[in-house]
N, C-alpha and C. Protein backbone atom coordinates (compact mmCIF):
# COMPACT_ATOMS: atom_id res chain seq x y z
N UNK A 1 -14.93 50.51 64.10
CA UNK A 1 -15.25 51.09 62.67
C UNK A 1 -15.69 52.12 62.78
N UNK A 2 -15.30 53.63 62.10
CA UNK A 2 -15.73 54.91 62.03
C UNK A 2 -16.42 55.15 60.85
N UNK A 3 -17.70 55.11 60.89
CA UNK A 3 -18.41 55.86 59.69
C UNK A 3 -19.61 56.35 59.83
N UNK A 4 -19.98 57.12 59.24
CA UNK A 4 -21.20 57.84 59.42
C UNK A 4 -21.83 57.79 57.90
N UNK A 5 -23.54 58.15 58.34
CA UNK A 5 -24.12 58.56 57.20
C UNK A 5 -25.11 59.32 57.70
N UNK A 6 -25.17 60.41 56.72
CA UNK A 6 -26.02 61.42 57.23
C UNK A 6 -26.96 61.95 55.42
N UNK A 7 -28.03 62.31 56.00
CA UNK A 7 -29.09 63.05 54.92
C UNK A 7 -29.64 64.44 55.83
N UNK A 8 -29.47 65.19 55.18
CA UNK A 8 -30.04 66.93 55.68
C UNK A 8 -29.50 67.61 54.80
N UNK A 9 -30.18 69.17 54.95
CA UNK A 9 -29.68 70.07 54.17
C UNK A 9 -29.25 71.00 54.46
N UNK A 10 -27.85 71.57 53.82
CA UNK A 10 -27.39 72.95 53.91
C UNK A 10 -27.51 74.21 54.52
N UNK A 11 -27.46 74.12 55.60
CA UNK A 11 -27.86 75.66 56.40
C UNK A 11 -27.38 76.73 55.68
N UNK A 12 -26.24 76.86 54.82
CA UNK A 12 -25.69 77.92 54.24
C UNK A 12 -24.66 77.31 53.14
N UNK A 13 -24.33 77.87 52.27
CA UNK A 13 -23.58 77.71 51.25
C UNK A 13 -21.95 77.50 51.43
N UNK A 14 -21.37 76.64 51.21
CA UNK A 14 -19.91 75.50 51.73
C UNK A 14 -19.13 77.09 51.76
N UNK A 15 -18.34 76.90 53.11
CA UNK A 15 -17.08 77.67 52.56
C UNK A 15 -15.93 77.12 52.20
N UNK A 16 -15.29 77.63 51.30
CA UNK A 16 -13.79 77.16 50.81
C UNK A 16 -12.73 78.03 50.99
N UNK A 17 -11.66 77.38 51.34
CA UNK A 17 -10.64 78.02 50.91
C UNK A 17 -9.36 76.52 50.55
N UNK A 18 -8.23 76.94 50.21
CA UNK A 18 -7.24 76.00 49.81
C UNK A 18 -6.33 76.04 50.91
N UNK A 19 -5.38 75.11 51.53
CA UNK A 19 -4.19 74.75 52.31
C UNK A 19 -3.09 75.62 51.51
N UNK A 20 -2.23 76.08 52.39
CA UNK A 20 -1.36 76.29 52.16
C UNK A 20 -0.31 75.37 51.69
N UNK A 21 1.02 76.22 50.85
CA UNK A 21 1.88 75.21 50.28
C UNK A 21 1.89 74.62 48.65
N UNK A 22 2.90 73.81 48.47
CA UNK A 22 3.18 74.17 47.12
C UNK A 22 2.06 73.10 46.59
N UNK A 23 1.60 72.01 47.24
CA UNK A 23 0.35 71.00 47.01
C UNK A 23 -0.78 71.61 47.23
N UNK A 24 -1.47 72.53 47.18
CA UNK A 24 -2.67 73.54 47.86
C UNK A 24 -4.00 72.20 47.41
N UNK A 25 -4.75 72.15 48.63
CA UNK A 25 -5.92 71.11 48.88
C UNK A 25 -6.75 72.34 48.69
N UNK A 26 -8.02 71.33 47.99
CA UNK A 26 -9.67 72.54 48.08
C UNK A 26 -10.23 71.90 49.51
N UNK A 27 -10.30 73.07 50.52
CA UNK A 27 -11.20 72.38 51.61
C UNK A 27 -12.53 73.26 52.05
N UNK A 28 -13.54 72.49 51.87
CA UNK A 28 -14.83 73.06 52.14
C UNK A 28 -15.31 72.57 53.24
N UNK A 29 -16.24 74.20 53.95
CA UNK A 29 -17.00 73.72 55.27
C UNK A 29 -18.26 73.59 54.87
N UNK A 30 -19.27 72.91 55.79
CA UNK A 30 -20.21 73.50 55.55
C UNK A 30 -21.40 72.81 56.73
N UNK A 31 -22.46 73.14 56.95
CA UNK A 31 -23.18 72.35 58.42
C UNK A 31 -24.55 71.83 57.79
N UNK A 32 -24.23 70.64 58.00
CA UNK A 32 -25.88 69.91 57.76
C UNK A 32 -26.67 69.63 58.66
N UNK A 33 -28.46 70.41 58.60
CA UNK A 33 -29.52 70.28 59.36
C UNK A 33 -29.83 69.00 59.20
N UNK A 34 -29.96 68.04 60.35
CA UNK A 34 -30.32 66.56 60.00
C UNK A 34 -31.62 66.40 60.91
N UNK A 35 -32.98 66.02 60.63
CA UNK A 35 -33.73 65.48 61.51
C UNK A 35 -33.62 64.77 62.14
N UNK A 36 -33.98 64.59 63.30
CA UNK A 36 -33.59 63.24 63.92
C UNK A 36 -34.77 62.73 63.92
N UNK A 37 -34.94 60.85 63.56
CA UNK A 37 -35.36 59.67 63.23
C UNK A 37 -36.18 60.05 64.17
N UNK A 38 -36.73 59.90 65.37
CA UNK A 38 -37.68 59.83 66.34
C UNK A 38 -38.28 60.97 67.03
N UNK A 39 -39.48 60.87 67.55
CA UNK A 39 -39.53 62.49 68.33
C UNK A 39 -40.48 61.76 69.56
N UNK A 40 -40.05 62.13 70.32
CA UNK A 40 -41.01 62.02 71.95
C UNK A 40 -42.48 62.17 71.76
N UNK A 41 -43.45 61.85 72.49
CA UNK A 41 -44.43 61.96 72.10
C UNK A 41 -44.77 63.27 72.79
N UNK A 42 -45.60 64.34 71.86
CA UNK A 42 -45.63 65.56 72.26
C UNK A 42 -44.80 66.70 71.94
N UNK A 43 -43.65 65.88 71.44
CA UNK A 43 -42.62 67.28 71.14
C UNK A 43 -42.83 67.46 69.61
N UNK A 44 -42.20 68.58 69.24
CA UNK A 44 -41.64 69.06 67.52
C UNK A 44 -40.07 67.80 67.21
N UNK A 45 -40.37 68.10 65.96
CA UNK A 45 -38.61 67.49 65.22
C UNK A 45 -37.95 68.07 65.39
N UNK A 46 -36.70 67.13 65.92
CA UNK A 46 -35.62 68.02 66.41
C UNK A 46 -34.74 67.68 65.52
N UNK A 47 -33.76 69.00 65.54
CA UNK A 47 -32.76 68.78 64.45
C UNK A 47 -31.46 69.03 64.95
N UNK A 48 -30.54 68.21 64.42
CA UNK A 48 -28.78 68.50 64.51
C UNK A 48 -28.23 69.18 63.58
N UNK A 49 -27.49 70.29 64.23
CA UNK A 49 -26.59 70.84 63.09
C UNK A 49 -25.42 70.08 63.14
N UNK A 50 -24.56 69.43 61.72
CA UNK A 50 -23.78 68.69 62.17
C UNK A 50 -22.32 69.38 61.44
N UNK A 51 -21.03 69.96 61.86
CA UNK A 51 -20.42 70.22 61.00
C UNK A 51 -19.72 69.15 60.09
N UNK A 52 -19.39 69.27 59.06
CA UNK A 52 -18.87 68.85 57.96
C UNK A 52 -17.76 69.43 56.60
N UNK A 53 -16.58 68.63 56.74
CA UNK A 53 -15.42 69.26 56.31
C UNK A 53 -15.03 68.15 54.96
N UNK A 54 -14.65 68.35 53.81
CA UNK A 54 -14.19 67.96 52.45
C UNK A 54 -13.45 68.12 51.69
N UNK A 55 -12.60 67.62 51.38
CA UNK A 55 -11.37 67.74 50.71
C UNK A 55 -11.14 67.34 49.16
N UNK A 56 -10.42 68.33 48.80
CA UNK A 56 -10.15 67.92 47.00
C UNK A 56 -10.83 68.24 46.76
N UNK A 57 -11.06 66.97 45.41
CA UNK A 57 -12.79 67.11 44.47
C UNK A 57 -13.71 67.62 44.96
N UNK A 58 -13.85 66.89 46.36
CA UNK A 58 -15.09 66.31 46.60
C UNK A 58 -15.78 68.49 47.40
N UNK A 59 -14.67 68.84 47.63
CA UNK A 59 -14.70 70.22 47.83
C UNK A 59 -14.86 70.93 46.64
N UNK A 60 -14.35 70.90 45.54
CA UNK A 60 -14.50 71.63 44.72
C UNK A 60 -16.09 71.61 44.18
N UNK A 61 -16.56 70.06 44.26
CA UNK A 61 -17.88 69.88 44.15
C UNK A 61 -19.03 70.83 44.89
N UNK A 62 -18.88 70.41 46.10
CA UNK A 62 -19.60 70.91 46.83
C UNK A 62 -19.61 72.94 46.59
N UNK A 63 -18.63 73.23 46.19
CA UNK A 63 -18.28 74.66 45.83
C UNK A 63 -19.47 74.82 44.93
N UNK A 64 -19.05 74.22 43.82
CA UNK A 64 -20.08 74.45 42.83
C UNK A 64 -21.09 73.91 42.48
N UNK A 65 -21.83 73.11 43.48
CA UNK A 65 -22.91 72.11 43.20
C UNK A 65 -23.97 72.27 44.38
N UNK A 66 -23.35 72.42 45.42
CA UNK A 66 -24.33 72.80 46.50
C UNK A 66 -24.30 74.04 47.22
N UNK A 67 -25.89 74.20 47.86
CA UNK A 67 -25.81 75.70 48.17
C UNK A 67 -26.55 75.66 49.34
N UNK A 68 -27.21 76.71 50.31
CA UNK A 68 -28.12 76.96 51.02
C UNK A 68 -29.11 76.24 50.60
N UNK A 69 -30.13 74.80 51.73
CA UNK A 69 -31.25 74.50 51.46
C UNK A 69 -30.52 72.82 50.31
N UNK A 70 -30.25 73.09 49.97
CA UNK A 70 -29.51 71.43 49.39
C UNK A 70 -29.67 70.40 49.91
N UNK A 71 -30.58 69.62 49.89
CA UNK A 71 -30.61 68.16 50.49
C UNK A 71 -29.91 67.12 49.92
N UNK A 72 -28.65 66.61 50.84
CA UNK A 72 -27.64 65.49 50.52
C UNK A 72 -27.63 64.25 51.35
N UNK A 73 -26.76 63.38 50.94
CA UNK A 73 -26.63 62.39 51.89
C UNK A 73 -25.20 62.47 51.68
N UNK A 74 -24.68 62.45 53.14
CA UNK A 74 -23.21 62.57 53.44
C UNK A 74 -22.29 61.15 53.52
N UNK A 75 -21.47 60.74 53.47
CA UNK A 75 -20.75 59.77 53.98
C UNK A 75 -19.38 59.98 54.47
N UNK A 76 -19.00 59.49 55.34
CA UNK A 76 -17.45 59.77 56.07
C UNK A 76 -17.40 59.44 57.18
N UNK A 77 -16.87 59.69 57.87
CA UNK A 77 -15.84 59.26 59.37
C UNK A 77 -16.32 60.84 60.66
N UNK A 78 -16.21 60.36 61.67
CA UNK A 78 -16.39 61.31 62.92
C UNK A 78 -14.76 61.52 63.12
N UNK A 79 -14.34 62.95 62.90
CA UNK A 79 -13.11 63.37 63.52
C UNK A 79 -13.18 64.11 64.84
N UNK A 80 -12.53 63.81 66.22
CA UNK A 80 -12.64 64.98 67.05
C UNK A 80 -11.24 65.46 66.79
N UNK A 81 -11.16 66.59 67.56
CA UNK A 81 -9.99 67.45 67.89
C UNK A 81 -10.07 68.53 68.58
N UNK A 82 -8.97 69.72 68.81
CA UNK A 82 -9.03 70.34 70.12
C UNK A 82 -8.44 71.47 69.44
N UNK A 83 -8.45 72.71 70.41
CA UNK A 83 -7.27 74.04 70.09
C UNK A 83 -7.66 74.68 71.11
N UNK A 84 -6.48 75.59 71.20
CA UNK A 84 -6.54 76.45 72.30
C UNK A 84 -6.81 78.15 71.89
N UNK A 85 -8.10 78.51 72.05
CA UNK A 85 -8.24 79.90 72.12
C UNK A 85 -7.37 81.10 72.12
N UNK A 86 -8.31 82.21 71.93
CA UNK A 86 -7.20 83.27 72.23
C UNK A 86 -7.49 83.27 73.39
N UNK A 87 -8.32 83.33 74.24
CA UNK A 87 -8.65 83.28 75.74
C UNK A 87 -8.06 82.44 76.43
N UNK A 88 -6.78 81.32 75.34
CA UNK A 88 -6.36 80.50 76.67
C UNK A 88 -7.56 79.06 76.81
N UNK A 89 -8.32 79.20 76.16
CA UNK A 89 -9.23 78.17 77.15
C UNK A 89 -9.00 77.01 75.92
N UNK A 90 -9.25 75.42 76.25
CA UNK A 90 -9.57 74.75 75.15
C UNK A 90 -10.60 74.20 74.84
N UNK A 91 -10.69 74.18 73.65
CA UNK A 91 -11.73 74.44 72.97
C UNK A 91 -11.82 72.35 72.09
N UNK A 92 -12.57 71.75 71.99
CA UNK A 92 -13.06 70.42 71.61
C UNK A 92 -13.90 70.42 70.64
N UNK A 93 -13.35 70.11 69.29
CA UNK A 93 -14.26 70.31 68.14
C UNK A 93 -14.92 68.47 67.57
N UNK A 94 -16.06 68.61 67.05
CA UNK A 94 -16.44 66.96 66.20
C UNK A 94 -16.85 67.69 64.92
N UNK A 95 -16.28 66.70 63.90
CA UNK A 95 -17.12 67.20 62.61
C UNK A 95 -16.96 65.99 62.05
N UNK A 96 -17.35 65.93 60.61
CA UNK A 96 -17.71 64.53 59.69
C UNK A 96 -16.74 65.01 58.75
N UNK A 97 -15.92 63.89 58.68
CA UNK A 97 -14.72 64.10 57.46
C UNK A 97 -15.64 63.49 56.41
N UNK A 98 -15.82 64.34 55.24
CA UNK A 98 -16.51 63.74 54.35
C UNK A 98 -15.99 63.04 53.40
N UNK A 99 -16.74 61.81 52.63
CA UNK A 99 -15.73 61.38 51.52
C UNK A 99 -16.43 60.75 50.46
N UNK A 100 -18.16 61.09 50.58
CA UNK A 100 -18.48 60.88 49.58
C UNK A 100 -19.86 61.70 49.75
N UNK A 101 -20.82 62.24 48.71
CA UNK A 101 -21.40 63.45 48.84
C UNK A 101 -22.40 63.09 47.69
N UNK A 102 -23.52 63.19 48.08
CA UNK A 102 -24.36 63.01 46.53
C UNK A 102 -25.90 63.97 46.74
N UNK A 103 -26.50 64.10 45.75
CA UNK A 103 -27.70 64.86 45.74
C UNK A 103 -29.15 64.18 46.82
N UNK A 104 -29.92 64.22 47.28
CA UNK A 104 -30.63 63.33 48.06
C UNK A 104 -32.29 63.77 46.98
N UNK A 105 -32.28 64.89 46.23
CA UNK A 105 -33.55 65.11 45.66
C UNK A 105 -33.56 65.43 44.42
N UNK A 106 -34.06 65.39 43.63
CA UNK A 106 -33.96 65.86 42.38
C UNK A 106 -33.99 67.57 42.64
N UNK A 107 -33.54 67.97 41.00
CA UNK A 107 -33.77 69.53 41.24
C UNK A 107 -35.00 70.37 41.11
N UNK A 108 -35.99 69.52 40.15
CA UNK A 108 -37.18 69.93 40.95
C UNK A 108 -37.56 70.21 42.28
N UNK A 109 -37.59 68.97 43.11
CA UNK A 109 -38.34 68.88 44.18
C UNK A 109 -37.36 69.82 45.14
N UNK A 110 -36.05 69.95 44.79
CA UNK A 110 -35.00 71.33 45.51
C UNK A 110 -35.24 72.21 45.19
N UNK A 111 -36.03 73.02 44.28
CA UNK A 111 -36.31 74.20 43.89
C UNK A 111 -37.62 74.71 44.38
N UNK A 112 -38.68 73.50 44.95
CA UNK A 112 -39.76 74.00 45.42
C UNK A 112 -39.67 73.74 47.12
N UNK A 113 -38.16 73.86 47.62
CA UNK A 113 -38.25 73.96 48.86
C UNK A 113 -37.29 75.80 48.96
N UNK A 114 -38.00 76.17 49.98
CA UNK A 114 -37.71 77.66 50.09
C UNK A 114 -36.69 77.73 51.33
N UNK A 115 -35.87 78.92 51.59
CA UNK A 115 -34.78 79.04 52.27
C UNK A 115 -35.89 79.41 53.84
N UNK A 116 -37.24 80.03 53.81
CA UNK A 116 -37.64 80.15 54.78
C UNK A 116 -38.05 78.73 55.92
N UNK A 117 -37.40 77.68 55.55
CA UNK A 117 -37.57 76.47 56.30
C UNK A 117 -38.65 75.61 56.05
N UNK A 118 -38.80 75.51 54.67
CA UNK A 118 -40.46 74.77 54.31
C UNK A 118 -40.59 74.70 53.04
N UNK A 119 -41.47 73.78 52.54
CA UNK A 119 -41.85 73.29 50.90
C UNK A 119 -42.94 74.38 50.39
N UNK A 120 -43.01 74.78 49.37
CA UNK A 120 -43.69 75.70 48.44
C UNK A 120 -44.20 74.47 47.16
N UNK A 121 -45.23 74.53 47.21
CA UNK A 121 -46.31 74.22 46.26
C UNK A 121 -45.75 73.47 44.89
N UNK A 122 -44.86 72.75 44.30
CA UNK A 122 -44.08 72.62 43.20
C UNK A 122 -44.96 71.37 42.40
N UNK A 123 -44.92 71.29 41.25
CA UNK A 123 -45.13 70.73 40.36
C UNK A 123 -44.73 69.51 40.23
N UNK A 124 -45.58 68.26 39.96
CA UNK A 124 -44.91 67.01 39.68
C UNK A 124 -43.57 67.08 39.15
N UNK A 125 -42.61 66.13 39.13
CA UNK A 125 -41.67 66.54 38.17
C UNK A 125 -41.43 65.28 37.06
N UNK A 126 -42.54 64.24 37.12
CA UNK A 126 -42.51 63.91 35.78
C UNK A 126 -44.25 63.21 36.06
N UNK A 127 -44.46 62.66 34.69
CA UNK A 127 -45.97 62.02 34.85
C UNK A 127 -45.97 60.50 35.87
N UNK A 128 -47.09 60.43 36.66
CA UNK A 128 -47.54 59.33 36.98
C UNK A 128 -47.53 58.05 36.32
N UNK A 129 -47.41 57.01 36.54
CA UNK A 129 -47.96 55.91 35.64
C UNK A 129 -48.83 55.29 36.01
N UNK A 130 -49.96 54.73 34.73
CA UNK A 130 -50.80 54.77 34.91
C UNK A 130 -51.51 53.16 35.13
N UNK A 131 -52.45 52.53 35.54
CA UNK A 131 -52.50 51.39 36.06
C UNK A 131 -53.45 50.69 34.42
N UNK A 132 -52.91 49.57 33.75
CA UNK A 132 -53.44 49.15 32.67
C UNK A 132 -54.93 48.38 33.18
N UNK A 133 -55.69 48.41 31.95
CA UNK A 133 -56.91 47.61 32.28
C UNK A 133 -56.70 46.27 32.34
N UNK A 134 -56.95 45.17 33.05
CA UNK A 134 -56.75 44.04 33.18
C UNK A 134 -55.54 43.09 32.76
N UNK A 135 -54.76 43.18 32.23
CA UNK A 135 -53.18 42.68 32.68
C UNK A 135 -52.63 42.80 33.71
N UNK A 136 -52.81 43.52 34.63
CA UNK A 136 -51.98 43.80 35.67
C UNK A 136 -50.58 44.52 35.90
N UNK A 137 -50.13 45.43 34.06
CA UNK A 137 -49.13 45.73 34.11
C UNK A 137 -49.70 47.49 33.94
N UNK A 138 -48.37 48.19 34.57
CA UNK A 138 -48.65 49.51 34.08
C UNK A 138 -47.94 50.34 32.65
N UNK A 139 -48.78 51.25 32.65
CA UNK A 139 -48.34 51.66 31.37
C UNK A 139 -47.75 52.69 31.59
N UNK A 140 -46.06 53.10 31.15
CA UNK A 140 -45.20 54.09 31.71
C UNK A 140 -44.98 55.07 30.71
N UNK A 141 -45.32 56.24 31.03
CA UNK A 141 -45.40 57.24 29.87
C UNK A 141 -43.99 57.67 29.27
N UNK A 142 -44.28 57.70 27.77
CA UNK A 142 -42.95 58.02 27.16
C UNK A 142 -41.82 58.87 27.85
N UNK A 143 -42.71 60.04 28.80
CA UNK A 143 -41.91 61.13 28.90
C UNK A 143 -40.82 60.55 30.31
N UNK A 144 -40.87 59.54 30.51
CA UNK A 144 -39.43 58.97 31.26
C UNK A 144 -39.12 57.38 31.07
N UNK A 145 -39.48 57.04 30.09
CA UNK A 145 -38.65 56.31 29.15
C UNK A 145 -37.09 56.04 29.30
N UNK A 146 -36.41 57.73 29.35
CA UNK A 146 -34.96 57.74 28.89
C UNK A 146 -34.49 57.33 30.53
N UNK A 147 -34.83 57.19 31.45
CA UNK A 147 -34.49 57.12 32.86
C UNK A 147 -34.51 56.13 33.25
N UNK A 148 -35.12 54.82 32.50
CA UNK A 148 -35.13 53.66 32.87
C UNK A 148 -33.94 52.96 32.64
N UNK A 149 -33.04 52.27 33.58
CA UNK A 149 -31.85 51.69 33.88
C UNK A 149 -31.55 50.51 32.78
N UNK A 150 -32.97 49.90 32.67
CA UNK A 150 -32.67 48.41 31.51
C UNK A 150 -33.28 49.07 29.81
N UNK A 151 -32.83 48.66 28.60
CA UNK A 151 -33.27 49.11 27.66
C UNK A 151 -32.52 47.66 26.56
N UNK A 152 -33.87 48.02 25.83
CA UNK A 152 -33.33 46.60 24.49
C UNK A 152 -32.68 47.34 23.67
């Protein structure tokens, strides 16, 4: 089985092109900066820069909605390949062929991220629930009622 799940930020806007021929297919390429989950004692966070390619409607989605700094979750498969460059040397490639991609944070949280590599202080995106006195239930503010997946 060849299955990859990545969560990271785009290092730049996706590069878009179309295949040649009668049935042109959209092709988008982008690089995800993915922080390693664990780090060795005394070391800073390590980041991997992973090349991704997505085809068809997914490519069009990437072009329209994904931009530098956007945090996404991408699932797909690893694909390796090779080609001969202009100097006659064999170059080996590894990339993730993205089958599904989605946003990993809200638009408000993403707006708080600056392209300089860190977060700016942003206002909370929704009111926090408040603990009710005595009955053990939390009061949910009216502002988030429409986001609940269940309603009467």
